[in-house]
N, C-alpha and C. Protein backbone atom coordinates (compact mmCIF):
# COMPACT_ATOMS: atom_id res chain seq x y z
N UNK A 1 18.05 78.73 59.22
CA UNK A 1 17.52 79.69 59.53
C UNK A 1 18.50 80.05 61.00
N UNK A 2 19.47 81.07 60.19
CA UNK A 2 20.96 81.80 61.58
C UNK A 2 20.23 82.77 62.46
N UNK A 3 19.91 82.23 63.97
CA UNK A 3 19.99 82.93 64.80
C UNK A 3 20.75 83.25 65.37
N UNK A 4 20.81 85.26 65.46
CA UNK A 4 21.91 85.66 65.57
C UNK A 4 21.65 86.96 66.99
N UNK A 5 22.16 87.04 68.13
CA UNK A 5 21.86 87.21 69.46
C UNK A 5 23.34 88.86 69.66
N UNK A 6 23.02 89.79 69.76
CA UNK A 6 23.84 91.19 70.21
C UNK A 6 23.34 91.02 71.74
N UNK A 7 24.72 90.63 72.64
CA UNK A 7 24.40 91.41 73.74
C UNK A 7 25.50 92.42 74.59
N UNK A 8 24.97 92.91 75.31
CA UNK A 8 25.90 93.94 76.19
C UNK A 8 25.35 93.96 77.75
N UNK A 9 25.93 95.40 78.53
CA UNK A 9 25.58 95.50 80.00
C UNK A 9 24.36 94.75 80.33
N UNK A 10 23.44 96.17 79.67
CA UNK A 10 21.77 96.09 80.29
C UNK A 10 21.23 95.72 78.77
N UNK A 11 21.26 96.04 77.62
CA UNK A 11 20.17 95.66 76.98
C UNK A 11 19.42 96.86 76.51
N UNK A 12 19.94 97.61 76.87
CA UNK A 12 19.27 99.38 76.28
C UNK A 12 19.62 100.20 75.57
N UNK A 13 21.46 100.09 75.31
CA UNK A 13 22.23 100.94 74.52
C UNK A 13 22.56 100.17 73.33
N UNK A 14 23.72 99.43 73.27
CA UNK A 14 24.41 99.10 72.41
C UNK A 14 24.03 98.02 71.65
N UNK A 15 23.48 96.67 72.51
CA UNK A 15 22.99 95.86 71.50
C UNK A 15 21.51 95.78 71.08
N UNK A 16 20.46 96.33 71.46
CA UNK A 16 19.37 96.86 71.21
C UNK A 16 19.70 97.47 69.60
N UNK A 17 20.92 98.43 69.76
CA UNK A 17 21.20 99.70 68.87
C UNK A 17 21.27 98.21 67.32
N UNK A 18 22.77 97.62 67.62
CA UNK A 18 22.77 96.27 67.55
C UNK A 18 21.78 95.29 66.61
N UNK A 19 20.01 95.37 67.09
CA UNK A 19 19.47 94.19 66.74
C UNK A 19 18.91 94.87 65.89
N UNK A 20 18.37 96.35 65.95
CA UNK A 20 17.50 96.73 64.64
C UNK A 20 18.47 97.11 63.85
N UNK A 21 19.94 97.83 63.84
CA UNK A 21 20.66 98.32 62.82
C UNK A 21 20.78 96.67 62.00
N UNK A 22 20.58 95.40 62.63
CA UNK A 22 21.20 94.88 61.80
C UNK A 22 20.20 94.25 60.77
N UNK A 23 18.37 93.94 61.88
CA UNK A 23 17.55 93.78 61.68
C UNK A 23 16.82 94.84 60.22
N UNK A 24 17.35 95.85 60.10
CA UNK A 24 16.78 96.41 58.86
C UNK A 24 18.09 96.38 57.52
N UNK A 25 19.52 95.82 58.05
CA UNK A 25 20.51 95.44 57.05
C UNK A 25 19.40 93.76 56.47
N UNK A 26 19.56 93.19 57.33
CA UNK A 26 19.00 91.57 56.70
C UNK A 26 17.41 92.18 55.96
N UNK A 27 17.03 92.95 56.66
CA UNK A 27 15.60 93.08 55.62
C UNK A 27 16.15 93.90 54.02
N UNK A 28 16.67 94.79 53.80
CA UNK A 28 17.25 95.37 52.91
C UNK A 28 17.56 94.21 51.98
N UNK A 29 18.17 93.21 52.56
CA UNK A 29 19.27 91.93 52.15
C UNK A 29 17.83 91.09 51.18
N UNK A 30 16.83 91.07 51.71
CA UNK A 30 15.53 90.30 51.60
C UNK A 30 16.47 89.04 51.97
N UNK A 31 16.87 88.94 53.19
CA UNK A 31 17.09 88.12 53.69
C UNK A 31 15.92 87.71 55.18
N UNK A 32 14.92 88.25 55.13
CA UNK A 32 14.42 88.09 56.44
C UNK A 32 14.21 86.39 57.04
N UNK A 33 13.99 85.64 56.02
CA UNK A 33 13.19 84.41 55.86
C UNK A 33 14.60 83.15 56.35
N UNK A 34 15.94 83.90 56.40
CA UNK A 34 16.76 83.28 56.43
C UNK A 34 17.14 83.87 57.71
N UNK A 35 17.72 85.14 58.25
CA UNK A 35 18.16 85.74 59.31
C UNK A 35 16.90 85.98 60.27
N UNK A 36 17.00 85.51 61.77
CA UNK A 36 16.40 86.24 62.94
C UNK A 36 17.55 86.79 63.93
N UNK A 37 17.24 87.78 64.23
CA UNK A 37 17.86 88.55 65.16
C UNK A 37 16.68 89.27 66.25
N UNK A 38 18.29 89.26 67.78
CA UNK A 38 17.78 89.35 68.91
C UNK A 38 18.78 90.19 69.92
N UNK A 39 18.14 90.42 70.74
CA UNK A 39 19.46 91.27 71.70
C UNK A 39 19.12 91.09 73.34
N UNK A 40 20.00 90.96 74.25
CA UNK A 40 19.74 90.48 75.25
C UNK A 40 20.70 91.18 76.12
N UNK A 41 20.56 91.27 78.01
CA UNK A 41 21.44 91.56 78.72
C UNK A 41 22.69 90.56 79.31
N UNK A 42 23.30 91.49 80.03
CA UNK A 42 24.21 90.13 80.82
C UNK A 42 24.20 90.06 82.22
N UNK A 43 23.34 91.57 82.50
CA UNK A 43 23.08 91.59 83.62
C UNK A 43 22.13 92.26 83.80
N UNK A 44 21.17 91.80 85.24
CA UNK A 44 20.19 92.85 85.59
C UNK A 44 19.76 94.22 85.31
N UNK A 45 20.54 95.24 85.57
CA UNK A 45 19.84 96.32 85.57
C UNK A 45 18.96 96.89 85.72
N UNK A 46 18.97 96.73 83.87
CA UNK A 46 17.79 97.52 83.24
C UNK A 46 16.53 96.57 82.78
N UNK A 47 16.53 95.29 83.04
CA UNK A 47 15.73 94.22 82.56
C UNK A 47 14.06 95.31 82.92
N UNK A 48 13.73 94.84 81.76
CA UNK A 48 11.91 95.78 81.34
C UNK A 48 12.23 96.58 80.82
N UNK A 49 12.97 97.82 80.83
CA UNK A 49 13.00 98.82 80.50
C UNK A 49 13.57 98.78 78.65
N UNK A 50 12.92 99.74 78.53
CA UNK A 50 12.90 100.00 76.89
C UNK A 50 13.98 100.55 76.05
N UNK A 51 14.65 100.06 75.77
CA UNK A 51 15.78 101.11 74.48
C UNK A 51 15.94 102.26 75.13
N UNK A 52 17.07 102.70 75.01
CA UNK A 52 17.76 103.96 75.86
C UNK A 52 17.06 105.26 74.85
N UNK A 53 16.81 106.37 75.38
CA UNK A 53 16.22 107.52 74.55
C UNK A 53 17.09 107.85 73.61
N UNK A 54 18.62 107.92 73.90
CA UNK A 54 19.98 108.03 72.86
C UNK A 54 19.84 107.37 71.89
N UNK A 55 19.82 105.79 72.04
CA UNK A 55 19.61 105.39 71.10
C UNK A 55 18.36 104.81 70.53
N UNK A 56 17.28 105.39 70.71
CA UNK A 56 15.78 105.55 69.96
C UNK A 56 16.14 107.06 68.83
N UNK A 57 16.78 107.96 69.46
CA UNK A 57 17.24 109.15 68.68
C UNK A 57 17.53 109.10 67.34
N UNK A 58 19.35 108.31 67.68
CA UNK A 58 20.18 107.77 66.71
C UNK A 58 19.08 107.37 65.41
N UNK A 59 18.45 106.26 65.91
CA UNK A 59 18.51 105.20 64.99
C UNK A 59 17.38 106.37 64.26
N UNK A 60 16.43 106.72 64.76
CA UNK A 60 15.12 107.55 64.27
C UNK A 60 16.11 108.57 62.96
N UNK A 61 17.28 109.32 63.72
CA UNK A 61 18.35 110.16 62.66
C UNK A 61 18.85 109.50 61.73
N UNK A 62 19.19 107.70 61.52
CA UNK A 62 19.38 106.90 60.67
C UNK A 62 18.70 106.68 60.32
N UNK A 63 17.17 106.25 60.25
CA UNK A 63 16.00 105.61 59.67
C UNK A 63 16.56 104.53 59.89
N UNK A 64 16.41 104.31 60.66
CA UNK A 64 16.69 102.57 61.31
C UNK A 64 15.03 102.32 62.24
N UNK A 65 14.68 101.42 61.71
CA UNK A 65 13.12 101.14 62.46
C UNK A 65 13.51 100.90 63.52
N UNK A 66 12.34 101.23 64.64
CA UNK A 66 13.15 100.15 65.54
C UNK A 66 11.08 100.35 66.31
N UNK A 67 11.53 99.31 67.75
CA UNK A 67 9.88 99.60 68.07
C UNK A 67 10.24 99.97 69.58
N UNK A 68 9.12 99.86 70.29
CA UNK A 68 8.73 99.51 71.99
C UNK A 68 9.63 98.11 72.54
N UNK A 69 10.28 97.67 73.58
CA UNK A 69 10.97 96.44 73.52
C UNK A 69 10.95 96.44 74.76
N UNK A 70 11.42 95.32 76.29
CA UNK A 70 11.57 95.32 77.51
C UNK A 70 12.85 94.48 77.98
N UNK A 71 14.12 95.44 78.11
CA UNK A 71 16.11 94.19 78.02
C UNK A 71 15.26 93.20 78.84
N UNK A 72 16.16 91.94 77.86
CA UNK A 72 15.97 91.07 78.70
C UNK A 72 17.25 90.62 79.18
N UNK A 73 17.51 89.23 79.79
CA UNK A 73 18.75 88.47 80.28
C UNK A 73 19.15 87.79 79.64
N UNK A 74 20.11 87.77 79.43
CA UNK A 74 20.37 86.47 78.63
C UNK A 74 20.76 85.03 79.69
N UNK A 75 20.85 84.06 79.40
CA UNK A 75 20.47 82.87 80.15
C UNK A 75 21.68 81.56 79.46
N UNK A 76 21.77 80.55 79.94
CA UNK A 76 22.96 79.94 79.52
C UNK A 76 21.73 78.74 78.21
N UNK A 77 21.19 78.93 78.58
CA UNK A 77 19.50 78.62 77.59
C UNK A 77 20.39 78.78 75.96
N UNK A 78 20.40 80.17 76.64
CA UNK A 78 20.15 80.57 75.04
C UNK A 78 21.49 80.80 73.98
N UNK A 79 22.66 79.82 75.08
CA UNK A 79 23.14 79.03 74.11
C UNK A 79 23.02 77.87 72.79
N UNK A 80 22.17 77.41 72.90
CA UNK A 80 22.31 76.34 72.27
C UNK A 80 21.02 77.27 71.39
N UNK A 81 20.38 78.14 71.64
CA UNK A 81 18.43 78.91 71.00
C UNK A 81 19.99 79.47 69.83
N UNK A 82 20.96 80.02 70.03
CA UNK A 82 21.21 81.32 68.83
C UNK A 82 22.88 80.52 68.00
N UNK A 83 22.40 80.72 66.99
CA UNK A 83 24.41 80.07 65.71
C UNK A 83 25.19 81.41 66.49
N UNK A 84 24.65 82.69 66.35
CA UNK A 84 25.67 83.80 66.86
C UNK A 84 25.63 84.37 67.75
N UNK A 85 26.94 84.62 68.75
CA UNK A 85 26.49 85.42 69.83
C UNK A 85 27.30 86.23 69.54
N UNK A 86 26.65 87.97 69.60
CA UNK A 86 27.38 88.66 70.16
C UNK A 86 28.17 90.22 70.68
N UNK A 87 29.25 89.84 71.68
CA UNK A 87 29.53 90.52 72.77
C UNK A 87 29.60 92.30 72.16
N UNK A 88 30.10 93.32 72.78
CA UNK A 88 30.02 94.65 72.19
C UNK A 88 31.60 95.01 72.76
N UNK A 89 32.13 94.55 73.99
CA UNK A 89 33.26 94.88 74.68
C UNK A 89 34.27 93.74 75.41
N UNK A 90 34.99 94.14 75.88
CA UNK A 90 36.07 92.87 76.89
C UNK A 90 35.55 92.38 78.25
N UNK A 91 34.54 93.22 78.40
CA UNK A 91 33.68 92.96 79.91
C UNK A 91 32.08 91.92 79.91
N UNK A 92 31.92 91.32 78.49
CA UNK A 92 30.72 91.34 78.05
C UNK A 92 31.42 89.49 77.49
N UNK A 93 32.36 90.26 76.86
CA UNK A 93 33.45 88.66 76.49
C UNK A 93 33.27 87.97 77.14
N UNK A 94 33.79 88.42 79.08
CA UNK A 94 33.78 87.70 80.17
C UNK A 94 32.99 87.60 80.58
N UNK A 95 31.76 88.14 80.87
CA UNK A 95 30.53 87.78 81.27
C UNK A 95 30.41 86.07 80.01
N UNK A 96 30.49 86.52 79.13
CA UNK A 96 29.68 85.43 77.93
C UNK A 96 30.30 84.03 78.48
N UNK A 97 31.94 83.69 78.26
CA UNK A 97 33.11 82.74 78.42
C UNK A 97 32.38 82.64 79.19
N UNK A 98 31.90 83.01 81.13
CA UNK A 98 31.45 82.33 81.88
C UNK A 98 30.18 81.80 81.61
N UNK A 99 29.55 82.55 80.94
CA UNK A 99 28.13 81.41 80.96
C UNK A 99 27.64 80.19 79.91
N UNK A 100 28.90 80.17 79.06
CA UNK A 100 28.61 79.82 78.09
C UNK A 100 29.90 78.21 78.84
N UNK A 101 30.37 79.01 79.30
CA UNK A 101 30.84 77.34 80.19
C UNK A 101 32.13 77.63 78.68
N UNK A 102 32.86 78.88 78.76
CA UNK A 102 33.97 78.66 77.80
C UNK A 102 33.77 78.78 76.17
N UNK A 103 32.36 78.77 75.56
CA UNK A 103 32.01 79.10 73.66
C UNK A 103 32.89 77.83 73.70
N UNK A 104 32.45 76.66 74.23
CA UNK A 104 32.36 75.39 73.51
C UNK A 104 32.59 75.45 71.69
N UNK A 105 31.16 75.66 71.62
CA UNK A 105 31.16 75.77 70.19
C UNK A 105 31.58 76.90 68.78
N UNK A 106 32.71 77.42 69.65
CA UNK A 106 32.39 78.38 69.43
C UNK A 106 31.42 79.18 68.15
N UNK A 107 30.86 79.65 69.35
CA UNK A 107 29.33 80.79 68.68
C UNK A 107 29.60 82.50 69.46
N UNK A 108 30.10 82.57 70.10
CA UNK A 108 30.99 83.54 70.41
C UNK A 108 31.35 84.59 69.77
N UNK A 109 31.39 86.10 70.06
CA UNK A 109 32.59 86.98 69.02
C UNK A 109 32.01 88.33 68.81
N UNK A 110 32.96 89.01 69.41
CA UNK A 110 32.96 90.95 69.57
C UNK A 110 33.16 91.30 68.35
N UNK A 111 31.46 92.48 68.50
CA UNK A 111 31.11 92.94 67.17
C UNK A 111 32.43 93.40 65.99
N UNK A 112 33.15 94.12 66.35
CA UNK A 112 33.72 94.93 66.08
C UNK A 112 35.31 93.74 65.63
N UNK A 113 35.07 92.28 65.83
CA UNK A 113 36.35 91.67 65.05
C UNK A 113 36.09 90.81 63.93
N UNK A 114 34.71 91.19 63.05
CA UNK A 114 33.98 91.08 61.51
C UNK A 114 34.23 92.14 61.30
N UNK A 115 34.76 93.58 61.47
CA UNK A 115 35.71 94.60 60.66
C UNK A 115 37.62 94.61 61.30
N UNK A 116 37.63 93.20 61.42
CA UNK A 116 38.80 93.63 61.28
C UNK A 116 40.08 94.14 63.17
N UNK A 117 38.59 94.41 64.08
CA UNK A 117 39.44 95.25 65.48
C UNK A 117 39.58 94.58 66.31
N UNK A 118 39.36 94.20 67.21
CA UNK A 118 39.71 94.00 68.71
C UNK A 118 39.25 95.26 69.82
N UNK A 119 38.90 95.46 69.50
CA UNK A 119 38.43 96.59 70.59
C UNK A 119 36.69 96.75 70.61
N UNK A 120 36.66 97.63 71.77
CA UNK A 120 35.55 97.40 72.38
C UNK A 120 33.76 99.05 71.30
N UNK A 121 33.30 98.31 71.52
CA UNK A 121 32.55 99.43 70.95
C UNK A 121 31.83 100.61 72.04
N UNK A 122 32.35 101.12 72.32
CA UNK A 122 31.64 102.38 73.68
C UNK A 122 30.32 102.62 73.74
N UNK A 123 30.61 102.38 75.69
CA UNK A 123 29.44 102.55 75.94
C UNK A 123 28.96 103.48 75.89
N UNK A 124 27.51 104.38 75.11
CA UNK A 124 27.27 104.81 74.77
C UNK A 124 27.05 106.14 76.51
N UNK A 125 26.08 104.34 76.95
CA UNK A 125 25.59 105.11 78.54
C UNK A 125 26.80 105.52 79.79
N UNK A 126 28.41 105.77 79.37
CA UNK A 126 28.92 106.68 79.65
C UNK A 126 29.37 107.70 79.26
N UNK A 127 29.51 107.23 77.70
CA UNK A 127 30.34 108.38 76.74
C UNK A 127 29.52 109.63 76.51
N UNK A 128 28.57 109.34 76.50
CA UNK A 128 26.69 109.59 75.57
C UNK A 128 26.85 110.08 74.48
N UNK A 129 27.70 109.44 73.25
CA UNK A 129 27.84 109.59 72.25
C UNK A 129 27.43 108.79 71.16
N UNK A 130 26.25 108.72 71.39
CA UNK A 130 25.57 107.70 70.69
C UNK A 130 25.71 107.25 69.07
N UNK A 131 26.14 108.36 68.78
CA UNK A 131 26.74 109.04 67.38
C UNK A 131 27.90 107.64 66.38
N UNK A 132 29.02 108.07 68.08
CA UNK A 132 30.12 107.16 68.12
C UNK A 132 30.13 105.97 67.63
N UNK A 133 29.00 105.33 68.90
CA UNK A 133 28.42 104.50 68.94
C UNK A 133 28.14 103.55 67.63
N UNK A 134 26.75 104.65 66.76
CA UNK A 134 26.10 104.05 66.30
C UNK A 134 27.42 103.34 64.27
N UNK A 135 27.61 104.15 64.38
CA UNK A 135 29.20 103.99 63.06
C UNK A 135 29.37 103.06 63.49
N UNK A 136 30.24 102.18 65.14
CA UNK A 136 31.02 101.07 65.55
C UNK A 136 29.86 100.15 64.86
N UNK A 137 28.30 100.21 65.45
CA UNK A 137 27.53 99.10 65.60
C UNK A 137 27.71 99.00 64.37
N UNK A 138 27.15 99.84 63.52
CA UNK A 138 27.14 99.79 61.53
C UNK A 138 27.68 98.88 61.06
N UNK A 139 28.92 99.47 60.87
CA UNK A 139 30.25 98.72 60.67
C UNK A 139 30.39 97.06 60.66
N UNK A 140 30.33 97.01 62.26
CA UNK A 140 30.34 95.90 62.43
C UNK A 140 29.47 94.91 61.55
N UNK A 141 28.17 95.24 62.38
CA UNK A 141 26.87 94.45 61.44
C UNK A 141 26.89 94.33 59.53
N UNK A 142 27.07 95.29 59.21
CA UNK A 142 27.88 94.82 57.77
C UNK A 142 28.33 94.17 57.32
N UNK A 143 29.67 93.79 57.86
CA UNK A 143 30.50 93.20 58.06
C UNK A 143 29.99 92.01 58.55
N UNK A 144 29.09 91.90 59.57
CA UNK A 144 28.75 90.60 60.03
C UNK A 144 27.79 90.28 59.03
N UNK A 145 27.12 90.56 58.18
CA UNK A 145 26.00 90.41 57.37
C UNK A 145 26.87 89.80 56.25
N UNK A 146 28.16 90.30 55.95
CA UNK A 146 29.00 89.69 54.89
C UNK A 146 29.26 88.55 55.42
N UNK A 147 30.16 88.74 56.11
CA UNK A 147 30.09 87.24 56.76
C UNK A 147 29.15 85.50 57.11
N UNK A 148 28.24 86.66 56.78
CA UNK A 148 26.86 85.14 56.62
C UNK A 148 26.72 85.12 55.56
N UNK A 149 26.55 85.72 54.32
CA UNK A 149 25.80 85.76 53.19
C UNK A 149 27.03 85.31 52.78
N UNK A 150 28.73 85.14 52.94
CA UNK A 150 29.49 84.76 52.34
C UNK A 150 29.69 83.42 52.90
N UNK A 151 28.75 82.57 53.49
CA UNK A 151 29.46 81.34 54.12
C UNK A 151 28.44 80.45 54.58
N UNK A 152 27.11 80.67 53.13
CA UNK A 152 26.14 79.78 53.31
C UNK A 152 26.00 78.89 52.83
């Protein structure tokens, strides 16, 4: 079983969006017994909060199933529990580098690197544009799933 963890600043916008998109893609591919997906925060700002309303609205608009949840914090222990840890932006990558001690097992990647781009997934908390974020998240998750299934 491959264990995938998506992270962002507060775990209410981008990382839960990626979690729910990826879970749906995994289900549709018939790989739920082979790939597990979760998301966590890198900062404490939103701990305990449910997925942001804007994220829920864009997921609903694209037919992506989601559930009520609470933002939780990634800890150093999570590094050993997950096979692949996916950050959304430059700040996340710096936080992950610090938290994982420099990523000695090379598990940490930026989501859009899977589509060949080294740019950030824009944070809709600041932009207000959840649709643009969704397009990036969807493209990144589809490419990540292709990478995981090609390397089985």
